[in-house]
Amino acid sequence: MGDVGRVDLVEERTDADYVKAKAKDLHKSVQKLLKLPDWIEIYPGHYKGSACGKGMDSKSSSTIGRERRKNQALQLDGVTFTRYLLENTLPPLPDFLKIKQQNTGKL
């Protein structure tokens, strides 16, 4: 809600080319979602207070139409979208990799 997720929080590889490729993949996914009708409801995995996005909204649900109108990240072309995702990101939480490993069962 209000933003898109981070692509820099990866475990396998963190080199710039890999992260940039993930940003391009996310843009393609977003474009597919934007083809859905405005009335489609969406429920995020994270919202305001999460370290996973710069402009996350406090809403716990939204619609494709609302996000299409309000979410600035969804209005960016592919190059600008990638730059947006890679610039001015917050550092990951100190225990991010441990949390991710616990969540995926890869301890």
PDB file of N, CA and C in Angstrom:
ATOM      1  N   MET A   1       0.832  -1.167   0.000  1.00  0.00           N
ATOM      2  CA  MET A   1       0.000   0.000   0.000  1.00  0.00           C
ATOM      3  C   MET A   1       0.881   1.236   0.000  1.00  0.00           C
ATOM      4  N   GLY A   2       0.794   2.020  -1.057  1.00  0.00           N
ATOM      5  CA  GLY A   2       1.516   3.270  -1.125  1.00  0.00           C
ATOM      6  C   GLY A   2       2.936   3.178  -1.649  1.00  0.00           C
ATOM      7  N   ASP A   3       3.449   1.991  -1.862  1.00  0.00           N
ATOM      8  CA  ASP A   3       4.818   1.823  -2.353  1.00  0.00           C
ATOM      9  C   ASP A   3       4.957   0.415  -2.910  1.00  0.00           C
ATOM     10  N   VAL A   4       6.160   0.047  -3.267  1.00  0.00           N
ATOM     11  CA  VAL A   4       6.458  -1.321  -3.692  1.00  0.00           C
ATOM     12  C   VAL A   4       7.551  -1.861  -2.786  1.00  0.00           C
ATOM     13  N   GLY A   5       7.718  -3.155  -2.773  1.00  0.00           N
ATOM     14  CA  GLY A   5       8.703  -3.782  -1.906  1.00  0.00           C
ATOM     15  C   GLY A   5      10.133  -3.481  -2.314  1.00  0.00           C
ATOM     16  N   ARG A   6      11.041  -3.853  -1.454  1.00  0.00           N
ATOM     17  CA  ARG A   6      12.462  -3.639  -1.691  1.00  0.00           C
ATOM     18  C   ARG A   6      13.060  -4.836  -2.419  1.00  0.00           C
ATOM     19  N   VAL A   7      13.979  -4.556  -3.316  1.00  0.00           N
ATOM     20  CA  VAL A   7      14.670  -5.628  -4.031  1.00  0.00           C
ATOM     21  C   VAL A   7      16.109  -5.781  -3.557  1.00  0.00           C
ATOM     22  N   ASP A   8      16.532  -4.895  -2.681  1.00  0.00           N
ATOM     23  CA  ASP A   8      17.913  -4.964  -2.191  1.00  0.00           C
ATOM     24  C   ASP A   8      18.056  -5.923  -1.019  1.00  0.00           C
ATOM     25  N   LEU A   9      16.960  -6.422  -0.505  1.00  0.00           N
ATOM     26  CA  LEU A   9      16.999  -7.347   0.631  1.00  0.00           C
ATOM     27  C   LEU A   9      17.046  -8.773   0.120  1.00  0.00           C
ATOM     28  N   VAL A  10      18.167  -9.137  -0.448  1.00  0.00           N
ATOM     29  CA  VAL A  10      18.339 -10.472  -0.999  1.00  0.00           C
ATOM     30  C   VAL A  10      19.400 -11.204  -0.200  1.00  0.00           C
ATOM     31  N   GLU A  11      19.258 -12.489  -0.151  1.00  0.00           N
ATOM     32  CA  GLU A  11      20.207 -13.298   0.626  1.00  0.00           C
ATOM     33  C   GLU A  11      21.275 -13.911  -0.265  1.00  0.00           C
ATOM     34  N   GLU A  12      20.865 -14.366  -1.434  1.00  0.00           N
ATOM     35  CA  GLU A  12      21.778 -15.130  -2.273  1.00  0.00           C
ATOM     36  C   GLU A  12      22.928 -14.281  -2.803  1.00  0.00           C
ATOM     37  N   ARG A  13      22.590 -13.154  -3.425  1.00  0.00           N
ATOM     38  CA  ARG A  13      23.603 -12.289  -4.026  1.00  0.00           C
ATOM     39  C   ARG A  13      23.192 -10.849  -3.777  1.00  0.00           C
ATOM     40  N   THR A  14      24.154 -10.001  -3.560  1.00  0.00           N
ATOM     41  CA  THR A  14      23.829  -8.601  -3.330  1.00  0.00           C
ATOM     42  C   THR A  14      24.562  -7.675  -4.295  1.00  0.00           C
ATOM     43  N   ASP A  15      25.200  -8.236  -5.341  1.00  0.00           N
ATOM     44  CA  ASP A  15      25.900  -7.368  -6.271  1.00  0.00           C
ATOM     45  C   ASP A  15      24.899  -6.515  -7.051  1.00  0.00           C
ATOM     46  N   ALA A  16      25.365  -5.380  -7.538  1.00  0.00           N
ATOM     47  CA  ALA A  16      24.499  -4.373  -8.150  1.00  0.00           C
ATOM     48  C   ALA A  16      23.725  -4.898  -9.357  1.00  0.00           C
ATOM     49  N   ASP A  17      24.357  -5.689 -10.198  1.00  0.00           N
ATOM     50  CA  ASP A  17      23.675  -6.201 -11.387  1.00  0.00           C
ATOM     51  C   ASP A  17      22.513  -7.126 -11.020  1.00  0.00           C
ATOM     52  N   TYR A  18      22.728  -7.959 -10.018  1.00  0.00           N
ATOM     53  CA  TYR A  18      21.672  -8.870  -9.580  1.00  0.00           C
ATOM     54  C   TYR A  18      20.485  -8.089  -9.012  1.00  0.00           C
ATOM     55  N   VAL A  19      20.767  -7.112  -8.171  1.00  0.00           N
ATOM     56  CA  VAL A  19      19.705  -6.312  -7.558  1.00  0.00           C
ATOM     57  C   VAL A  19      18.967  -5.510  -8.630  1.00  0.00           C
ATOM     58  N   LYS A  20      19.689  -4.992  -9.600  1.00  0.00           N
ATOM     59  CA  LYS A  20      19.060  -4.247 -10.696  1.00  0.00           C
ATOM     60  C   LYS A  20      18.140  -5.174 -11.506  1.00  0.00           C
ATOM     61  N   ALA A  21      18.558  -6.391 -11.733  1.00  0.00           N
ATOM     62  CA  ALA A  21      17.719  -7.361 -12.450  1.00  0.00           C
ATOM     63  C   ALA A  21      16.447  -7.658 -11.661  1.00  0.00           C
ATOM     64  N   LYS A  22      16.571  -7.750 -10.337  1.00  0.00           N
ATOM     65  CA  LYS A  22      15.383  -7.978  -9.492  1.00  0.00           C
ATOM     66  C   LYS A  22      14.423  -6.797  -9.581  1.00  0.00           C
ATOM     67  N   ALA A  23      14.959  -5.582  -9.658  1.00  0.00           N
ATOM     68  CA  ALA A  23      14.119  -4.387  -9.803  1.00  0.00           C
ATOM     69  C   ALA A  23      13.354  -4.424 -11.123  1.00  0.00           C
ATOM     70  N   LYS A  24      14.023  -4.846 -12.186  1.00  0.00           N
ATOM     71  CA  LYS A  24      13.359  -4.961 -13.486  1.00  0.00           C
ATOM     72  C   LYS A  24      12.272  -6.023 -13.442  1.00  0.00           C
ATOM     73  N   ASP A  25      12.538  -7.129 -12.759  1.00  0.00           N
ATOM     74  CA  ASP A  25      11.525  -8.186 -12.597  1.00  0.00           C
ATOM     75  C   ASP A  25      10.311  -7.664 -11.839  1.00  0.00           C
ATOM     76  N   LEU A  26      10.553  -6.893 -10.778  1.00  0.00           N
ATOM     77  CA  LEU A  26       9.444  -6.344  -9.997  1.00  0.00           C
ATOM     78  C   LEU A  26       8.622  -5.386 -10.843  1.00  0.00           C
ATOM     79  N   HIS A  27       9.270  -4.580 -11.658  1.00  0.00           N
ATOM     80  CA  HIS A  27       8.529  -3.661 -12.531  1.00  0.00           C
ATOM     81  C   HIS A  27       7.626  -4.434 -13.485  1.00  0.00           C
ATOM     82  N   LYS A  28       8.129  -5.532 -14.054  1.00  0.00           N
ATOM     83  CA  LYS A  28       7.312  -6.367 -14.946  1.00  0.00           C
ATOM     84  C   LYS A  28       6.099  -6.930 -14.202  1.00  0.00           C
ATOM     85  N   SER A  29       6.311  -7.371 -12.964  1.00  0.00           N
ATOM     86  CA  SER A  29       5.200  -7.909 -12.169  1.00  0.00           C
ATOM     87  C   SER A  29       4.156  -6.836 -11.885  1.00  0.00           C
ATOM     88  N   VAL A  30       4.629  -5.658 -11.541  1.00  0.00           N
ATOM     89  CA  VAL A  30       3.713  -4.542 -11.258  1.00  0.00           C
ATOM     90  C   VAL A  30       2.888  -4.221 -12.504  1.00  0.00           C
ATOM     91  N   GLN A  31       3.523  -4.231 -13.670  1.00  0.00           N
ATOM     92  CA  GLN A  31       2.794  -3.940 -14.908  1.00  0.00           C
ATOM     93  C   GLN A  31       1.690  -4.965 -15.153  1.00  0.00           C
ATOM     94  N   LYS A  32       1.935  -6.215 -14.817  1.00  0.00           N
ATOM     95  CA  LYS A  32       0.896  -7.248 -14.950  1.00  0.00           C
ATOM     96  C   LYS A  32      -0.273  -6.961 -14.011  1.00  0.00           C
ATOM     97  N   LEU A  33       0.045  -6.571 -12.774  1.00  0.00           N
ATOM     98  CA  LEU A  33      -1.010  -6.261 -11.801  1.00  0.00           C
ATOM     99  C   LEU A  33      -1.837  -5.057 -12.245  1.00  0.00           C
ATOM    100  N   LEU A  34      -1.194  -4.087 -12.855  1.00  0.00           N
ATOM    101  CA  LEU A  34      -1.903  -2.881 -13.281  1.00  0.00           C
ATOM    102  C   LEU A  34      -2.859  -3.133 -14.444  1.00  0.00           C
ATOM    103  N   LYS A  35      -2.800  -4.303 -15.051  1.00  0.00           N
ATOM    104  CA  LYS A  35      -3.758  -4.661 -16.098  1.00  0.00           C
ATOM    105  C   LYS A  35      -5.085  -5.148 -15.504  1.00  0.00           C
ATOM    106  N   LEU A  36      -5.083  -5.423 -14.203  1.00  0.00           N
ATOM    107  CA  LEU A  36      -6.306  -5.883 -13.539  1.00  0.00           C
ATOM    108  C   LEU A  36      -7.281  -4.722 -13.382  1.00  0.00           C
ATOM    109  N   PRO A  37      -8.585  -5.024 -13.245  1.00  0.00           N
ATOM    110  CA  PRO A  37      -9.580  -3.964 -13.077  1.00  0.00           C
ATOM    111  C   PRO A  37      -9.382  -3.194 -11.761  1.00  0.00           C
ATOM    112  N   ASP A  38      -9.810  -1.951 -11.763  1.00  0.00           N
ATOM    113  CA  ASP A  38      -9.661  -1.077 -10.595  1.00  0.00           C
ATOM    114  C   ASP A  38     -10.277  -1.647  -9.320  1.00  0.00           C
ATOM    115  N   TRP A  39     -11.338  -2.408  -9.422  1.00  0.00           N
ATOM    116  CA  TRP A  39     -12.066  -2.865  -8.228  1.00  0.00           C
ATOM    117  C   TRP A  39     -11.397  -4.040  -7.518  1.00  0.00           C
ATOM    118  N   ILE A  40     -10.382  -4.632  -8.113  1.00  0.00           N
ATOM    119  CA  ILE A  40      -9.706  -5.781  -7.495  1.00  0.00           C
ATOM    120  C   ILE A  40      -9.067  -5.358  -6.176  1.00  0.00           C
ATOM    121  N   GLU A  41      -9.395  -6.066  -5.107  1.00  0.00           N
ATOM    122  CA  GLU A  41      -8.817  -5.774  -3.795  1.00  0.00           C
ATOM    123  C   GLU A  41      -7.456  -6.427  -3.654  1.00  0.00           C
ATOM    124  N   ILE A  42      -6.565  -5.738  -2.957  1.00  0.00           N
ATOM    125  CA  ILE A  42      -5.229  -6.268  -2.707  1.00  0.00           C
ATOM    126  C   ILE A  42      -4.907  -6.145  -1.217  1.00  0.00           C
ATOM    127  N   TYR A  43      -4.149  -7.095  -0.744  1.00  0.00           N
ATOM    128  CA  TYR A  43      -3.767  -7.155   0.672  1.00  0.00           C
ATOM    129  C   TYR A  43      -2.253  -7.334   0.751  1.00  0.00           C
ATOM    130  N   PRO A  44      -1.568  -6.374   1.348  1.00  0.00           N
ATOM    131  CA  PRO A  44      -0.098  -6.429   1.367  1.00  0.00           C
ATOM    132  C   PRO A  44       0.442  -7.374   2.426  1.00  0.00           C
ATOM    133  N   GLY A  45       1.684  -7.757   2.233  1.00  0.00           N
ATOM    134  CA  GLY A  45       2.390  -8.510   3.260  1.00  0.00           C
ATOM    135  C   GLY A  45       2.935  -7.576   4.327  1.00  0.00           C
ATOM    136  N   HIS A  46       3.135  -6.312   3.962  1.00  0.00           N
ATOM    137  CA  HIS A  46       3.666  -5.308   4.884  1.00  0.00           C
ATOM    138  C   HIS A  46       2.941  -4.002   4.655  1.00  0.00           C
ATOM    139  N   TYR A  47       2.897  -3.170   5.662  1.00  0.00           N
ATOM    140  CA  TYR A  47       2.382  -1.809   5.502  1.00  0.00           C
ATOM    141  C   TYR A  47       3.144  -0.897   6.440  1.00  0.00           C
ATOM    142  N   LYS A  48       2.681   0.316   6.612  1.00  0.00           N
ATOM    143  CA  LYS A  48       3.433   1.341   7.335  1.00  0.00           C
ATOM    144  C   LYS A  48       4.111   0.792   8.588  1.00  0.00           C
ATOM    145  N   GLY A  49       5.342   1.197   8.774  1.00  0.00           N
ATOM    146  CA  GLY A  49       6.125   0.702   9.901  1.00  0.00           C
ATOM    147  C   GLY A  49       7.078  -0.399   9.485  1.00  0.00           C
ATOM    148  N   SER A  50       6.912  -0.899   8.261  1.00  0.00           N
ATOM    149  CA  SER A  50       7.787  -1.940   7.743  1.00  0.00           C
ATOM    150  C   SER A  50       9.053  -1.302   7.185  1.00  0.00           C
ATOM    151  N   ALA A  51      10.148  -2.001   7.271  1.00  0.00           N
ATOM    152  CA  ALA A  51      11.398  -1.537   6.660  1.00  0.00           C
ATOM    153  C   ALA A  51      11.457  -1.930   5.188  1.00  0.00           C
ATOM    154  N   CYS A  52      10.347  -2.410   4.657  1.00  0.00           N
ATOM    155  CA  CYS A  52      10.351  -2.951   3.298  1.00  0.00           C
ATOM    156  C   CYS A  52       9.922  -1.964   2.223  1.00  0.00           C
ATOM    157  N   GLY A  53       9.678  -0.729   2.568  1.00  0.00           N
ATOM    158  CA  GLY A  53       9.313   0.256   1.559  1.00  0.00           C
ATOM    159  C   GLY A  53       9.431   1.657   2.102  1.00  0.00           C
ATOM    160  N   LYS A  54       9.687   2.615   1.223  1.00  0.00           N
ATOM    161  CA  LYS A  54       9.895   3.998   1.643  1.00  0.00           C
ATOM    162  C   LYS A  54       8.590   4.708   1.995  1.00  0.00           C
ATOM    163  N   GLY A  55       7.553   4.436   1.243  1.00  0.00           N
ATOM    164  CA  GLY A  55       6.311   5.185   1.409  1.00  0.00           C
ATOM    165  C   GLY A  55       5.128   4.314   1.744  1.00  0.00           C
ATOM    166  N   MET A  56       5.358   3.241   2.487  1.00  0.00           N
ATOM    167  CA  MET A  56       4.269   2.328   2.816  1.00  0.00           C
ATOM    168  C   MET A  56       3.146   3.065   3.550  1.00  0.00           C
ATOM    169  N   ASP A  57       1.932   2.751   3.177  1.00  0.00           N
ATOM    170  CA  ASP A  57       0.728   3.333   3.755  1.00  0.00           C
ATOM    171  C   ASP A  57       0.324   2.527   4.989  1.00  0.00           C
ATOM    172  N   SER A  58      -0.480   3.116   5.832  1.00  0.00           N
ATOM    173  CA  SER A  58      -0.929   2.407   7.036  1.00  0.00           C
ATOM    174  C   SER A  58      -2.164   1.544   6.768  1.00  0.00           C
ATOM    175  N   LYS A  59      -2.723   1.622   5.577  1.00  0.00           N
ATOM    176  CA  LYS A  59      -3.903   0.810   5.252  1.00  0.00           C
ATOM    177  C   LYS A  59      -3.536  -0.670   5.205  1.00  0.00           C
ATOM    178  N   SER A  60      -4.472  -1.501   5.587  1.00  0.00           N
ATOM    179  CA  SER A  60      -4.232  -2.943   5.543  1.00  0.00           C
ATOM    180  C   SER A  60      -4.822  -3.598   4.301  1.00  0.00           C
ATOM    181  N   SER A  61      -5.486  -2.804   3.455  1.00  0.00           N
ATOM    182  CA  SER A  61      -5.973  -3.297   2.172  1.00  0.00           C
ATOM    183  C   SER A  61      -6.174  -2.100   1.248  1.00  0.00           C
ATOM    184  N   SER A  62      -6.308  -2.392  -0.026  1.00  0.00           N
ATOM    185  CA  SER A  62      -6.516  -1.336  -1.011  1.00  0.00           C
ATOM    186  C   SER A  62      -7.155  -1.970  -2.235  1.00  0.00           C
ATOM    187  N   THR A  63      -7.191  -1.231  -3.313  1.00  0.00           N
ATOM    188  CA  THR A  63      -7.647  -1.762  -4.596  1.00  0.00           C
ATOM    189  C   THR A  63      -6.608  -1.393  -5.657  1.00  0.00           C
ATOM    190  N   ILE A  64      -6.653  -2.096  -6.751  1.00  0.00           N
ATOM    191  CA  ILE A  64      -5.753  -1.777  -7.858  1.00  0.00           C
ATOM    192  C   ILE A  64      -5.971  -0.321  -8.284  1.00  0.00           C
ATOM    193  N   GLY A  65      -7.223   0.103  -8.361  1.00  0.00           N
ATOM    194  CA  GLY A  65      -7.530   1.478  -8.781  1.00  0.00           C
ATOM    195  C   GLY A  65      -6.942   2.521  -7.852  1.00  0.00           C
ATOM    196  N   ARG A  66      -7.073   2.309  -6.554  1.00  0.00           N
ATOM    197  CA  ARG A  66      -6.527   3.281  -5.591  1.00  0.00           C
ATOM    198  C   ARG A  66      -5.011   3.344  -5.716  1.00  0.00           C
ATOM    199  N   GLU A  67      -4.372   2.184  -5.800  1.00  0.00           N
ATOM    200  CA  GLU A  67      -2.910   2.172  -5.924  1.00  0.00           C
ATOM    201  C   GLU A  67      -2.473   2.783  -7.248  1.00  0.00           C
ATOM    202  N   ARG A  68      -3.225   2.545  -8.292  1.00  0.00           N
ATOM    203  CA  ARG A  68      -2.900   3.125  -9.596  1.00  0.00           C
ATOM    204  C   ARG A  68      -2.891   4.662  -9.508  1.00  0.00           C
ATOM    205  N   ARG A  69      -3.838   5.218  -8.749  1.00  0.00           N
ATOM    206  CA  ARG A  69      -3.956   6.666  -8.624  1.00  0.00           C
ATOM    207  C   ARG A  69      -3.004   7.268  -7.593  1.00  0.00           C
ATOM    208  N   LYS A  70      -2.776   6.580  -6.461  1.00  0.00           N
ATOM    209  CA  LYS A  70      -2.061   7.162  -5.324  1.00  0.00           C
ATOM    210  C   LYS A  70      -0.605   6.736  -5.188  1.00  0.00           C
ATOM    211  N   ASN A  71      -0.259   5.577  -5.682  1.00  0.00           N
ATOM    212  CA  ASN A  71       1.069   5.011  -5.475  1.00  0.00           C
ATOM    213  C   ASN A  71       2.019   5.526  -6.561  1.00  0.00           C
ATOM    214  N   GLN A  72       2.898   6.450  -6.188  1.00  0.00           N
ATOM    215  CA  GLN A  72       3.797   7.080  -7.162  1.00  0.00           C
ATOM    216  C   GLN A  72       4.739   6.083  -7.829  1.00  0.00           C
ATOM    217  N   ALA A  73       5.147   5.064  -7.109  1.00  0.00           N
ATOM    218  CA  ALA A  73       6.062   4.076  -7.682  1.00  0.00           C
ATOM    219  C   ALA A  73       5.434   3.364  -8.877  1.00  0.00           C
ATOM    220  N   LEU A  74       4.119   3.205  -8.868  1.00  0.00           N
ATOM    221  CA  LEU A  74       3.442   2.497  -9.950  1.00  0.00           C
ATOM    222  C   LEU A  74       3.308   3.331 -11.211  1.00  0.00           C
ATOM    223  N   GLN A  75       3.620   4.611 -11.114  1.00  0.00           N
ATOM    224  CA  GLN A  75       3.491   5.509 -12.258  1.00  0.00           C
ATOM    225  C   GLN A  75       4.820   5.727 -12.977  1.00  0.00           C
ATOM    226  N   LEU A  76       5.868   5.056 -12.534  1.00  0.00           N
ATOM    227  CA  LEU A  76       7.203   5.258 -13.095  1.00  0.00           C
ATOM    228  C   LEU A  76       7.484   4.303 -14.254  1.00  0.00           C
ATOM    229  N   ASP A  77       8.240   4.786 -15.232  1.00  0.00           N
ATOM    230  CA  ASP A  77       8.681   3.909 -16.311  1.00  0.00           C
ATOM    231  C   ASP A  77       9.748   2.963 -15.748  1.00  0.00           C
ATOM    232  N   GLY A  78      10.130   1.968 -16.512  1.00  0.00           N
ATOM    233  CA  GLY A  78      11.040   0.943 -16.025  1.00  0.00           C
ATOM    234  C   GLY A  78      12.367   1.460 -15.515  1.00  0.00           C
ATOM    235  N   VAL A  79      13.003   2.376 -16.234  1.00  0.00           N
ATOM    236  CA  VAL A  79      14.307   2.903 -15.831  1.00  0.00           C
ATOM    237  C   VAL A  79      14.183   3.715 -14.544  1.00  0.00           C
ATOM    238  N   THR A  80      13.189   4.586 -14.483  1.00  0.00           N
ATOM    239  CA  THR A  80      12.991   5.419 -13.290  1.00  0.00           C
ATOM    240  C   THR A  80      12.582   4.569 -12.103  1.00  0.00           C
ATOM    241  N   PHE A  81      11.772   3.552 -12.341  1.00  0.00           N
ATOM    242  CA  PHE A  81      11.343   2.626 -11.292  1.00  0.00           C
ATOM    243  C   PHE A  81      12.560   1.932 -10.673  1.00  0.00           C
ATOM    244  N   THR A  82      13.452   1.442 -11.527  1.00  0.00           N
ATOM    245  CA  THR A  82      14.659   0.768 -11.039  1.00  0.00           C
ATOM    246  C   THR A  82      15.516   1.721 -10.221  1.00  0.00           C
ATOM    247  N   ARG A  83      15.700   2.929 -10.717  1.00  0.00           N
ATOM    248  CA  ARG A  83      16.497   3.924  -9.986  1.00  0.00           C
ATOM    249  C   ARG A  83      15.837   4.247  -8.643  1.00  0.00           C
ATOM    250  N   TYR A  84      14.514   4.396  -8.642  1.00  0.00           N
ATOM    251  CA  TYR A  84      13.765   4.670  -7.407  1.00  0.00           C
ATOM    252  C   TYR A  84      14.010   3.578  -6.357  1.00  0.00           C
ATOM    253  N   LEU A  85      13.995   2.330  -6.798  1.00  0.00           N
ATOM    254  CA  LEU A  85      14.179   1.220  -5.859  1.00  0.00           C
ATOM    255  C   LEU A  85      15.599   1.145  -5.298  1.00  0.00           C
ATOM    256  N   LEU A  86      16.569   1.576  -6.087  1.00  0.00           N
ATOM    257  CA  LEU A  86      17.958   1.404  -5.685  1.00  0.00           C
ATOM    258  C   LEU A  86      18.552   2.618  -4.980  1.00  0.00           C
ATOM    259  N   GLU A  87      17.880   3.763  -5.036  1.00  0.00           N
ATOM    260  CA  GLU A  87      18.396   4.968  -4.396  1.00  0.00           C
ATOM    261  C   GLU A  87      17.694   5.236  -3.077  1.00  0.00           C
ATOM    262  N   ASN A  88      18.437   5.782  -2.142  1.00  0.00           N
ATOM    263  CA  ASN A  88      17.892   6.237  -0.857  1.00  0.00           C
ATOM    264  C   ASN A  88      17.150   5.152  -0.080  1.00  0.00           C
ATOM    265  N   THR A  89      17.672   3.944  -0.099  1.00  0.00           N
ATOM    266  CA  THR A  89      17.045   2.872   0.669  1.00  0.00           C
ATOM    267  C   THR A  89      17.600   2.869   2.089  1.00  0.00           C
ATOM    268  N   LEU A  90      16.773   2.460   2.991  1.00  0.00           N
ATOM    269  CA  LEU A  90      17.213   2.319   4.375  1.00  0.00           C
ATOM    270  C   LEU A  90      18.087   1.078   4.490  1.00  0.00           C
ATOM    271  N   PRO A  91      19.014   1.064   5.430  1.00  0.00           N
ATOM    272  CA  PRO A  91      19.794  -0.165   5.618  1.00  0.00           C
ATOM    273  C   PRO A  91      18.885  -1.271   6.143  1.00  0.00           C
ATOM    274  N   PRO A  92      19.187  -2.520   5.819  1.00  0.00           N
ATOM    275  CA  PRO A  92      18.364  -3.611   6.359  1.00  0.00           C
ATOM    276  C   PRO A  92      18.516  -3.688   7.873  1.00  0.00           C
ATOM    277  N   LEU A  93      17.527  -4.244   8.510  1.00  0.00           N
ATOM    278  CA  LEU A  93      17.617  -4.464   9.948  1.00  0.00           C
ATOM    279  C   LEU A  93      18.841  -5.321  10.243  1.00  0.00           C
ATOM    280  N   PRO A  94      19.502  -5.112  11.385  1.00  0.00           N
ATOM    281  CA  PRO A  94      20.733  -5.855  11.695  1.00  0.00           C
ATOM    282  C   PRO A  94      20.567  -7.374  11.645  1.00  0.00           C
ATOM    283  N   ASP A  95      19.411  -7.863  12.021  1.00  0.00           N
ATOM    284  CA  ASP A  95      19.185  -9.307  12.041  1.00  0.00           C
ATOM    285  C   ASP A  95      18.322  -9.782  10.870  1.00  0.00           C
ATOM    286  N   PHE A  96      18.307  -9.001   9.785  1.00  0.00           N
ATOM    287  CA  PHE A  96      17.464  -9.326   8.644  1.00  0.00           C
ATOM    288  C   PHE A  96      17.719 -10.729   8.105  1.00  0.00           C
ATOM    289  N   LEU A  97      18.996 -11.072   7.866  1.00  0.00           N
ATOM    290  CA  LEU A  97      19.290 -12.387   7.284  1.00  0.00           C
ATOM    291  C   LEU A  97      18.855 -13.520   8.207  1.00  0.00           C
ATOM    292  N   LYS A  98      19.034 -13.344   9.499  1.00  0.00           N
ATOM    293  CA  LYS A  98      18.603 -14.373  10.457  1.00  0.00           C
ATOM    294  C   LYS A  98      17.086 -14.538  10.399  1.00  0.00           C
ATOM    295  N   ILE A  99      16.360 -13.434  10.363  1.00  0.00           N
ATOM    296  CA  ILE A  99      14.886 -13.489  10.289  1.00  0.00           C
ATOM    297  C   ILE A  99      14.467 -14.172   8.993  1.00  0.00           C
ATOM    298  N   LYS A 100      15.090 -13.794   7.891  1.00  0.00           N
ATOM    299  CA  LYS A 100      14.737 -14.401   6.605  1.00  0.00           C
ATOM    300  C   LYS A 100      15.010 -15.911   6.626  1.00  0.00           C
ATOM    301  N   GLN A 101      16.139 -16.295   7.183  1.00  0.00           N
ATOM    302  CA  GLN A 101      16.474 -17.719   7.262  1.00  0.00           C
ATOM    303  C   GLN A 101      15.454 -18.467   8.114  1.00  0.00           C
ATOM    304  N   GLN A 102      15.023 -17.858   9.229  1.00  0.00           N
ATOM    305  CA  GLN A 102      14.015 -18.507  10.065  1.00  0.00           C
ATOM    306  C   GLN A 102      12.702 -18.644   9.327  1.00  0.00           C
ATOM    307  N   ASN A 103      12.320 -17.605   8.574  1.00  0.00           N
ATOM    308  CA  ASN A 103      11.058 -17.625   7.848  1.00  0.00           C
ATOM    309  C   ASN A 103      11.060 -18.638   6.706  1.00  0.00           C
ATOM    310  N   THR A 104      12.223 -18.882   6.139  1.00  0.00           N
ATOM    311  CA  THR A 104      12.287 -19.804   4.997  1.00  0.00           C
ATOM    312  C   THR A 104      12.744 -21.196   5.398  1.00  0.00           C
ATOM    313  N   GLY A 105      13.088 -21.372   6.674  1.00  0.00           N
ATOM    314  CA  GLY A 105      13.530 -22.677   7.149  1.00  0.00           C
ATOM    315  C   GLY A 105      14.954 -23.018   6.745  1.00  0.00           C
ATOM    316  N   LYS A 106      15.736 -22.008   6.365  1.00  0.00           N
ATOM    317  CA  LYS A 106      17.122 -22.234   5.915  1.00  0.00           C
ATOM    318  C   LYS A 106      18.093 -21.827   7.004  1.00  0.00           C
ATOM    319  N   LEU A 107      17.998 -22.449   8.142  1.00  0.00           N
ATOM    320  CA  LEU A 107      18.916 -22.151   9.250  1.00  0.00           C
ATOM    321  C   LEU A 107      20.191 -22.953   9.154  1.00  0.00           C
TER     322      LEU A 107
END
